[in-house]
Amino acid sequence: SLLPHEDLRLQHRYLDLRRDEVQRNLRLRSQISSAMRDFLTSSHGFVEVETPTLFKRTSEGAREYLVPTRDPEKFYALAQSPQQFKQMLMAGGIDRYFQFARCYRDEDLRADRQPEFTQLDMELSFVDLEGIMSLVEGILAHVWDSVLRDREEPL
């Protein structure tokens, strides 16, 4: 079927959300997130946390999106990644945690860059490269076995 131009679809997003393809993609994303969550919390002792989105500006990494406050001299920055909060959690004794983190980066718009995205963010204490590789492979295998193996639609 022929789709309307993307600008029109985005203008009427509530209608576009009714399309089967969009519904399938939203449900698939939800199932994959649930499978990852289950794998990490049930089988590997992770704690799921949610770190703040607004934080004090830092001088490292990509340019930050600034959010003004009521005080014209002060701004928050939208998180590029939850690095500062990860370090606090680890120092506070949470040795395995994860979150589905919203990240914002004020970079030049290119096909290979997204200004806003979600990432699975994990932190582990006292682990080596083999431990990380094994964990990530386990997550992918669990998602495949529990969500993707019997799919009839292509990804």
N, C-alpha and C. Protein backbone atom coordinates (compact mmCIF):
# COMPACT_ATOMS: atom_id res chain seq x y z
N SER A 1 0.84 -1.19 0.00
CA SER A 1 0.00 0.00 0.00
C SER A 1 0.88 1.24 0.00
N LEU A 2 0.41 2.26 -0.67
CA LEU A 2 1.15 3.51 -0.77
C LEU A 2 0.92 4.34 0.48
N LEU A 3 2.01 4.77 1.12
CA LEU A 3 1.91 5.59 2.33
C LEU A 3 1.97 7.06 1.98
N PRO A 4 1.27 7.89 2.75
CA PRO A 4 1.41 9.34 2.57
C PRO A 4 2.83 9.78 2.90
N HIS A 5 3.19 10.95 2.47
CA HIS A 5 4.50 11.51 2.76
C HIS A 5 4.74 11.53 4.27
N GLU A 6 5.99 11.34 4.67
CA GLU A 6 6.32 11.24 6.09
C GLU A 6 5.87 12.47 6.89
N ASP A 7 6.01 13.66 6.33
CA ASP A 7 5.58 14.87 7.05
C ASP A 7 4.10 14.80 7.41
N LEU A 8 3.30 14.31 6.49
CA LEU A 8 1.86 14.18 6.74
C LEU A 8 1.60 13.10 7.79
N ARG A 9 2.33 12.00 7.71
CA ARG A 9 2.17 10.93 8.69
C ARG A 9 2.54 11.42 10.09
N LEU A 10 3.62 12.20 10.20
CA LEU A 10 4.03 12.70 11.52
C LEU A 10 3.07 13.76 12.05
N GLN A 11 2.49 14.53 11.15
CA GLN A 11 1.52 15.54 11.56
C GLN A 11 0.28 14.88 12.16
N HIS A 12 -0.07 13.72 11.65
CA HIS A 12 -1.23 12.98 12.13
C HIS A 12 -0.76 11.65 12.73
N ARG A 13 0.20 11.73 13.63
CA ARG A 13 0.84 10.53 14.19
C ARG A 13 -0.16 9.58 14.85
N TYR A 14 -1.18 10.11 15.46
CA TYR A 14 -2.18 9.27 16.13
C TYR A 14 -2.86 8.33 15.13
N LEU A 15 -2.98 8.75 13.88
CA LEU A 15 -3.54 7.87 12.85
C LEU A 15 -2.49 6.88 12.34
N ASP A 16 -1.26 7.36 12.19
CA ASP A 16 -0.19 6.50 11.73
C ASP A 16 0.06 5.35 12.71
N LEU A 17 -0.16 5.61 13.99
CA LEU A 17 0.04 4.58 15.02
C LEU A 17 -0.93 3.41 14.87
N ARG A 18 -1.99 3.58 14.11
CA ARG A 18 -2.97 2.51 13.91
C ARG A 18 -2.53 1.51 12.83
N ARG A 19 -1.49 1.86 12.07
CA ARG A 19 -1.04 0.94 11.02
C ARG A 19 -0.47 -0.34 11.64
N ASP A 20 -0.72 -1.47 11.00
CA ASP A 20 -0.26 -2.77 11.50
C ASP A 20 1.25 -2.81 11.71
N GLU A 21 2.00 -2.27 10.76
CA GLU A 21 3.46 -2.30 10.87
C GLU A 21 3.94 -1.54 12.12
N VAL A 22 3.37 -0.38 12.37
CA VAL A 22 3.76 0.41 13.54
C VAL A 22 3.35 -0.32 14.82
N GLN A 23 2.17 -0.88 14.85
CA GLN A 23 1.71 -1.65 16.01
C GLN A 23 2.64 -2.82 16.28
N ARG A 24 3.01 -3.56 15.23
CA ARG A 24 3.92 -4.70 15.39
C ARG A 24 5.27 -4.26 15.95
N ASN A 25 5.79 -3.15 15.42
CA ASN A 25 7.10 -2.67 15.88
C ASN A 25 7.05 -2.24 17.34
N LEU A 26 6.00 -1.56 17.76
CA LEU A 26 5.87 -1.15 19.16
C LEU A 26 5.77 -2.36 20.08
N ARG A 27 4.98 -3.34 19.67
CA ARG A 27 4.84 -4.56 20.48
C ARG A 27 6.14 -5.36 20.52
N LEU A 28 6.84 -5.43 19.42
CA LEU A 28 8.11 -6.14 19.38
C LEU A 28 9.13 -5.47 20.31
N ARG A 29 9.22 -4.16 20.25
CA ARG A 29 10.14 -3.43 21.13
C ARG A 29 9.80 -3.71 22.59
N SER A 30 8.54 -3.71 22.93
CA SER A 30 8.11 -3.99 24.30
C SER A 30 8.50 -5.41 24.72
N GLN A 31 8.30 -6.38 23.84
CA GLN A 31 8.65 -7.77 24.16
C GLN A 31 10.16 -7.93 24.33
N ILE A 32 10.94 -7.29 23.49
CA ILE A 32 12.40 -7.37 23.60
C ILE A 32 12.86 -6.74 24.91
N SER A 33 12.32 -5.57 25.26
CA SER A 33 12.68 -4.92 26.52
C SER A 33 12.33 -5.81 27.71
N SER A 34 11.16 -6.41 27.67
CA SER A 34 10.74 -7.30 28.76
C SER A 34 11.66 -8.51 28.88
N ALA A 35 12.06 -9.08 27.76
CA ALA A 35 12.96 -10.24 27.79
C ALA A 35 14.32 -9.85 28.36
N MET A 36 14.84 -8.69 27.98
CA MET A 36 16.12 -8.23 28.52
C MET A 36 16.01 -8.01 30.03
N ARG A 37 14.93 -7.36 30.43
CA ARG A 37 14.68 -7.07 31.85
C ARG A 37 14.62 -8.38 32.65
N ASP A 38 13.86 -9.34 32.15
CA ASP A 38 13.72 -10.63 32.82
C ASP A 38 15.07 -11.33 32.95
N PHE A 39 15.84 -11.36 31.88
CA PHE A 39 17.15 -12.01 31.88
C PHE A 39 18.06 -11.40 32.93
N LEU A 40 18.13 -10.08 32.95
CA LEU A 40 19.07 -9.41 33.85
C LEU A 40 18.65 -9.51 35.32
N THR A 41 17.36 -9.35 35.60
CA THR A 41 16.93 -9.35 37.01
C THR A 41 16.74 -10.76 37.55
N SER A 42 16.16 -11.65 36.80
CA SER A 42 15.84 -12.99 37.30
C SER A 42 17.05 -13.91 37.32
N SER A 43 17.90 -13.80 36.34
CA SER A 43 18.99 -14.76 36.20
C SER A 43 20.36 -14.25 36.60
N HIS A 44 20.53 -12.93 36.67
CA HIS A 44 21.88 -12.41 36.86
C HIS A 44 22.01 -11.37 37.98
N GLY A 45 21.00 -11.21 38.80
CA GLY A 45 21.12 -10.37 39.98
C GLY A 45 21.24 -8.88 39.75
N PHE A 46 20.77 -8.39 38.62
CA PHE A 46 20.82 -6.96 38.36
C PHE A 46 19.66 -6.25 39.04
N VAL A 47 19.87 -4.99 39.35
CA VAL A 47 18.83 -4.10 39.87
C VAL A 47 18.53 -3.10 38.76
N GLU A 48 17.26 -2.90 38.46
CA GLU A 48 16.89 -1.88 37.46
C GLU A 48 16.72 -0.55 38.17
N VAL A 49 17.37 0.47 37.67
CA VAL A 49 17.26 1.82 38.22
C VAL A 49 16.88 2.78 37.10
N GLU A 50 16.47 3.95 37.49
CA GLU A 50 16.18 5.02 36.54
C GLU A 50 16.90 6.26 37.03
N THR A 51 17.86 6.73 36.27
CA THR A 51 18.62 7.91 36.67
C THR A 51 17.95 9.16 36.10
N PRO A 52 18.22 10.30 36.70
CA PRO A 52 17.59 11.55 36.22
C PRO A 52 17.99 11.90 34.79
N THR A 53 17.10 12.60 34.13
CA THR A 53 17.37 13.07 32.77
C THR A 53 18.03 14.46 32.80
N LEU A 54 17.65 15.29 33.76
CA LEU A 54 18.24 16.62 33.89
C LEU A 54 19.40 16.56 34.88
N PHE A 55 20.52 17.16 34.53
CA PHE A 55 21.66 17.14 35.44
C PHE A 55 22.53 18.36 35.17
N LYS A 56 23.55 18.52 36.00
CA LYS A 56 24.50 19.62 35.85
C LYS A 56 25.35 19.39 34.60
N ARG A 57 25.64 20.46 33.91
CA ARG A 57 26.44 20.37 32.69
C ARG A 57 27.82 19.80 32.97
N THR A 58 28.35 19.08 31.98
CA THR A 58 29.72 18.57 32.06
C THR A 58 30.48 19.09 30.85
N SER A 59 31.78 19.03 30.89
CA SER A 59 32.58 19.57 29.79
C SER A 59 33.07 18.49 28.83
N GLU A 60 32.60 17.27 29.00
CA GLU A 60 33.12 16.20 28.16
C GLU A 60 32.06 15.70 27.18
N GLY A 61 32.51 14.99 26.15
CA GLY A 61 31.57 14.36 25.23
C GLY A 61 30.96 15.33 24.24
N ALA A 62 29.83 14.93 23.69
CA ALA A 62 29.12 15.73 22.69
C ALA A 62 28.50 16.97 23.33
N ARG A 63 28.11 17.91 22.49
CA ARG A 63 27.42 19.09 23.01
C ARG A 63 26.10 18.66 23.64
N GLU A 64 25.73 19.37 24.69
CA GLU A 64 24.51 19.02 25.42
C GLU A 64 23.37 19.93 25.03
N TYR A 65 22.16 19.39 25.10
CA TYR A 65 20.99 20.23 24.98
C TYR A 65 20.78 20.91 26.32
N LEU A 66 20.58 22.22 26.29
CA LEU A 66 20.39 22.96 27.53
C LEU A 66 18.91 23.25 27.75
N VAL A 67 18.50 23.15 29.00
CA VAL A 67 17.11 23.40 29.39
C VAL A 67 17.13 24.55 30.38
N PRO A 68 16.50 25.67 30.05
CA PRO A 68 16.54 26.82 30.96
C PRO A 68 15.71 26.57 32.23
N THR A 69 16.10 27.23 33.30
CA THR A 69 15.34 27.20 34.54
C THR A 69 14.64 28.55 34.70
N ARG A 70 13.96 28.73 35.80
CA ARG A 70 13.31 30.03 36.05
C ARG A 70 14.34 31.13 36.27
N ASP A 71 15.52 30.75 36.73
CA ASP A 71 16.62 31.69 36.90
C ASP A 71 17.31 31.84 35.55
N PRO A 72 17.30 33.05 34.94
CA PRO A 72 17.85 33.21 33.60
C PRO A 72 19.35 32.90 33.50
N GLU A 73 20.03 32.79 34.63
CA GLU A 73 21.47 32.51 34.64
C GLU A 73 21.78 31.02 34.78
N LYS A 74 20.76 30.18 34.97
CA LYS A 74 21.01 28.77 35.25
C LYS A 74 20.30 27.87 34.24
N PHE A 75 20.96 26.77 33.93
CA PHE A 75 20.44 25.80 32.98
C PHE A 75 20.69 24.39 33.50
N TYR A 76 19.84 23.47 33.08
CA TYR A 76 20.12 22.04 33.22
C TYR A 76 20.59 21.57 31.85
N ALA A 77 21.20 20.41 31.83
CA ALA A 77 21.54 19.77 30.56
C ALA A 77 20.82 18.44 30.49
N LEU A 78 20.36 18.07 29.30
CA LEU A 78 19.77 16.75 29.11
C LEU A 78 20.91 15.73 29.04
N ALA A 79 20.73 14.61 29.69
CA ALA A 79 21.80 13.61 29.82
C ALA A 79 22.26 13.09 28.46
N GLN A 80 23.58 13.12 28.25
CA GLN A 80 24.17 12.46 27.09
C GLN A 80 24.23 10.97 27.36
N SER A 81 24.55 10.63 28.57
CA SER A 81 24.55 9.26 29.07
C SER A 81 24.56 9.36 30.59
N PRO A 82 24.18 8.30 31.27
CA PRO A 82 24.06 8.38 32.73
C PRO A 82 25.36 8.13 33.48
N GLN A 83 26.51 8.51 32.92
CA GLN A 83 27.81 8.19 33.50
C GLN A 83 27.97 8.65 34.95
N GLN A 84 27.64 9.88 35.26
CA GLN A 84 27.82 10.39 36.63
C GLN A 84 27.00 9.58 37.63
N PHE A 85 25.80 9.23 37.26
CA PHE A 85 24.92 8.49 38.18
C PHE A 85 25.40 7.04 38.32
N LYS A 86 25.95 6.48 37.25
CA LYS A 86 26.48 5.13 37.32
C LYS A 86 27.59 5.06 38.36
N GLN A 87 28.47 6.05 38.34
CA GLN A 87 29.58 6.05 39.28
C GLN A 87 29.08 6.15 40.72
N MET A 88 28.06 6.97 40.96
CA MET A 88 27.50 7.08 42.32
C MET A 88 26.89 5.75 42.77
N LEU A 89 26.14 5.10 41.88
CA LEU A 89 25.52 3.83 42.24
C LEU A 89 26.58 2.78 42.57
N MET A 90 27.63 2.72 41.78
CA MET A 90 28.68 1.73 42.02
C MET A 90 29.38 2.02 43.35
N ALA A 91 29.68 3.28 43.61
CA ALA A 91 30.31 3.63 44.89
C ALA A 91 29.36 3.36 46.06
N GLY A 92 28.06 3.42 45.80
CA GLY A 92 27.06 3.18 46.84
C GLY A 92 26.75 1.71 47.06
N GLY A 93 27.44 0.81 46.38
CA GLY A 93 27.28 -0.61 46.65
C GLY A 93 26.32 -1.35 45.73
N ILE A 94 25.81 -0.70 44.71
CA ILE A 94 24.97 -1.39 43.72
C ILE A 94 25.92 -1.92 42.66
N ASP A 95 26.32 -3.19 42.78
CA ASP A 95 27.39 -3.69 41.92
C ASP A 95 26.92 -4.24 40.57
N ARG A 96 25.61 -4.36 40.38
CA ARG A 96 25.05 -4.75 39.08
C ARG A 96 23.75 -4.01 38.88
N TYR A 97 23.73 -3.11 37.94
CA TYR A 97 22.48 -2.40 37.67
C TYR A 97 22.35 -2.19 36.18
N PHE A 98 21.11 -1.94 35.76
CA PHE A 98 20.87 -1.60 34.36
C PHE A 98 19.70 -0.63 34.30
N GLN A 99 19.61 0.02 33.15
CA GLN A 99 18.45 0.85 32.85
C GLN A 99 18.32 0.99 31.35
N PHE A 100 17.12 1.27 30.91
CA PHE A 100 16.88 1.67 29.54
C PHE A 100 16.95 3.19 29.57
N ALA A 101 18.11 3.72 29.23
CA ALA A 101 18.40 5.14 29.42
C ALA A 101 18.08 5.96 28.18
N ARG A 102 17.39 7.06 28.38
CA ARG A 102 17.17 8.05 27.31
C ARG A 102 18.42 8.92 27.26
N CYS A 103 18.96 9.12 26.08
CA CYS A 103 20.17 9.90 25.90
C CYS A 103 19.92 10.97 24.84
N TYR A 104 20.56 12.12 25.04
CA TYR A 104 20.37 13.27 24.16
C TYR A 104 21.73 13.83 23.81
N ARG A 105 22.00 14.01 22.52
CA ARG A 105 23.28 14.56 22.10
C ARG A 105 23.05 15.61 21.03
N ASP A 106 23.57 16.79 21.25
CA ASP A 106 23.42 17.89 20.31
C ASP A 106 24.57 17.81 19.31
N GLU A 107 24.43 16.91 18.33
CA GLU A 107 25.46 16.73 17.32
C GLU A 107 24.89 17.10 15.96
N ASP A 108 25.78 17.28 15.02
CA ASP A 108 25.34 17.58 13.66
C ASP A 108 24.45 16.44 13.17
N LEU A 109 23.33 16.80 12.56
CA LEU A 109 22.40 15.78 12.07
C LEU A 109 22.98 15.12 10.82
N ARG A 110 23.18 13.82 10.93
CA ARG A 110 23.65 13.01 9.81
C ARG A 110 22.88 11.70 9.85
N ALA A 111 22.96 10.96 8.78
CA ALA A 111 22.22 9.70 8.70
C ALA A 111 22.64 8.72 9.78
N ASP A 112 23.91 8.78 10.23
CA ASP A 112 24.40 7.83 11.22
C ASP A 112 24.35 8.38 12.65
N ARG A 113 23.71 9.51 12.86
CA ARG A 113 23.62 10.10 14.19
C ARG A 113 22.18 10.40 14.55
N GLN A 114 21.82 10.11 15.77
CA GLN A 114 20.49 10.43 16.27
C GLN A 114 20.64 11.38 17.45
N PRO A 115 19.90 12.46 17.48
CA PRO A 115 20.03 13.38 18.62
C PRO A 115 19.40 12.83 19.89
N GLU A 116 18.49 11.89 19.76
CA GLU A 116 17.79 11.31 20.92
C GLU A 116 17.68 9.81 20.68
N PHE A 117 18.04 9.02 21.68
CA PHE A 117 17.96 7.58 21.52
C PHE A 117 17.86 6.91 22.89
N THR A 118 17.53 5.64 22.88
CA THR A 118 17.45 4.83 24.09
C THR A 118 18.53 3.77 24.01
N GLN A 119 19.22 3.54 25.11
CA GLN A 119 20.22 2.49 25.13
C GLN A 119 20.03 1.61 26.35
N LEU A 120 20.37 0.34 26.23
CA LEU A 120 20.45 -0.53 27.39
C LEU A 120 21.78 -0.23 28.03
N ASP A 121 21.75 0.31 29.22
CA ASP A 121 22.94 0.72 29.94
C ASP A 121 23.14 -0.22 31.11
N MET A 122 24.29 -0.88 31.18
CA MET A 122 24.57 -1.82 32.27
C MET A 122 25.89 -1.45 32.93
N GLU A 123 25.96 -1.69 34.21
CA GLU A 123 27.21 -1.54 34.95
C GLU A 123 27.40 -2.76 35.81
N LEU A 124 28.63 -3.26 35.86
CA LEU A 124 28.99 -4.41 36.68
C LEU A 124 30.31 -4.11 37.37
N SER A 125 30.44 -4.49 38.60
CA SER A 125 31.71 -4.37 39.31
C SER A 125 32.51 -5.65 39.17
N PHE A 126 33.81 -5.50 39.12
CA PHE A 126 34.74 -6.63 39.18
C PHE A 126 34.43 -7.70 38.14
N VAL A 127 34.40 -7.27 36.89
CA VAL A 127 34.14 -8.19 35.79
C VAL A 127 35.20 -7.97 34.71
N ASP A 128 35.53 -9.03 34.02
CA ASP A 128 36.52 -8.91 32.94
C ASP A 128 35.81 -8.92 31.58
N LEU A 129 36.60 -8.79 30.53
CA LEU A 129 36.05 -8.73 29.18
C LEU A 129 35.23 -9.97 28.86
N GLU A 130 35.73 -11.14 29.25
CA GLU A 130 35.01 -12.38 28.99
C GLU A 130 33.65 -12.38 29.68
N GLY A 131 33.58 -11.84 30.90
CA GLY A 131 32.31 -11.77 31.62
C GLY A 131 31.30 -10.87 30.92
N ILE A 132 31.77 -9.75 30.39
CA ILE A 132 30.90 -8.82 29.65
C ILE A 132 30.41 -9.49 28.36
N MET A 133 31.33 -10.09 27.62
CA MET A 133 30.96 -10.74 26.35
C MET A 133 29.95 -11.85 26.61
N SER A 134 30.16 -12.64 27.63
CA SER A 134 29.25 -13.73 27.96
C SER A 134 27.86 -13.21 28.34
N LEU A 135 27.82 -12.12 29.11
CA LEU A 135 26.54 -11.53 29.50
C LEU A 135 25.77 -11.00 28.29
N VAL A 136 26.45 -10.26 27.42
CA VAL A 136 25.78 -9.70 26.24
C VAL A 136 25.31 -10.82 25.31
N GLU A 137 26.14 -11.83 25.12
CA GLU A 137 25.72 -12.97 24.30
C GLU A 137 24.51 -13.66 24.92
N GLY A 138 24.48 -13.76 26.26
CA GLY A 138 23.34 -14.36 26.95
C GLY A 138 22.06 -13.57 26.75
N ILE A 139 22.18 -12.24 26.80
CA ILE A 139 21.01 -11.38 26.57
C ILE A 139 20.47 -11.61 25.16
N LEU A 140 21.37 -11.58 24.17
CA LEU A 140 20.95 -11.76 22.78
C LEU A 140 20.32 -13.13 22.56
N ALA A 141 20.91 -14.18 23.13
CA ALA A 141 20.36 -15.53 22.98
C ALA A 141 18.98 -15.62 23.64
N HIS A 142 18.84 -14.99 24.83
CA HIS A 142 17.55 -15.03 25.53
C HIS A 142 16.47 -14.28 24.73
N VAL A 143 16.81 -13.13 24.18
CA VAL A 143 15.86 -12.38 23.36
C VAL A 143 15.48 -13.20 22.13
N TRP A 144 16.47 -13.83 21.51
CA TRP A 144 16.19 -14.64 20.33
C TRP A 144 15.25 -15.79 20.69
N ASP A 145 15.59 -16.53 21.76
CA ASP A 145 14.79 -17.70 22.13
C ASP A 145 13.38 -17.33 22.58
N SER A 146 13.25 -16.24 23.32
CA SER A 146 11.94 -15.93 23.91
C SER A 146 11.07 -15.02 23.05
N VAL A 147 11.64 -14.29 22.10
CA VAL A 147 10.85 -13.32 21.32
C VAL A 147 10.97 -13.53 19.82
N LEU A 148 12.17 -13.74 19.32
CA LEU A 148 12.39 -13.64 17.88
C LEU A 148 12.37 -14.96 17.12
N ARG A 149 12.63 -16.08 17.76
CA ARG A 149 12.83 -17.35 17.05
C ARG A 149 11.64 -17.71 16.15
N ASP A 150 10.44 -17.59 16.65
CA ASP A 150 9.27 -18.06 15.89
C ASP A 150 8.53 -16.96 15.14
N ARG A 151 9.18 -15.80 14.96
CA ARG A 151 8.53 -14.71 14.24
C ARG A 151 8.35 -15.07 12.78
N GLU A 152 7.20 -14.70 12.27
CA GLU A 152 6.94 -14.94 10.86
C GLU A 152 7.30 -13.71 10.02
N GLU A 153 7.20 -12.53 10.63
CA GLU A 153 7.53 -11.30 9.89
C GLU A 153 9.05 -11.08 9.95
N PRO A 154 9.64 -10.56 8.89
CA PRO A 154 11.08 -10.23 8.94
C PRO A 154 11.32 -9.05 9.87
N LEU A 155 12.51 -8.99 10.41
CA LEU A 155 12.85 -7.86 11.29
C LEU A 155 13.10 -6.62 10.48
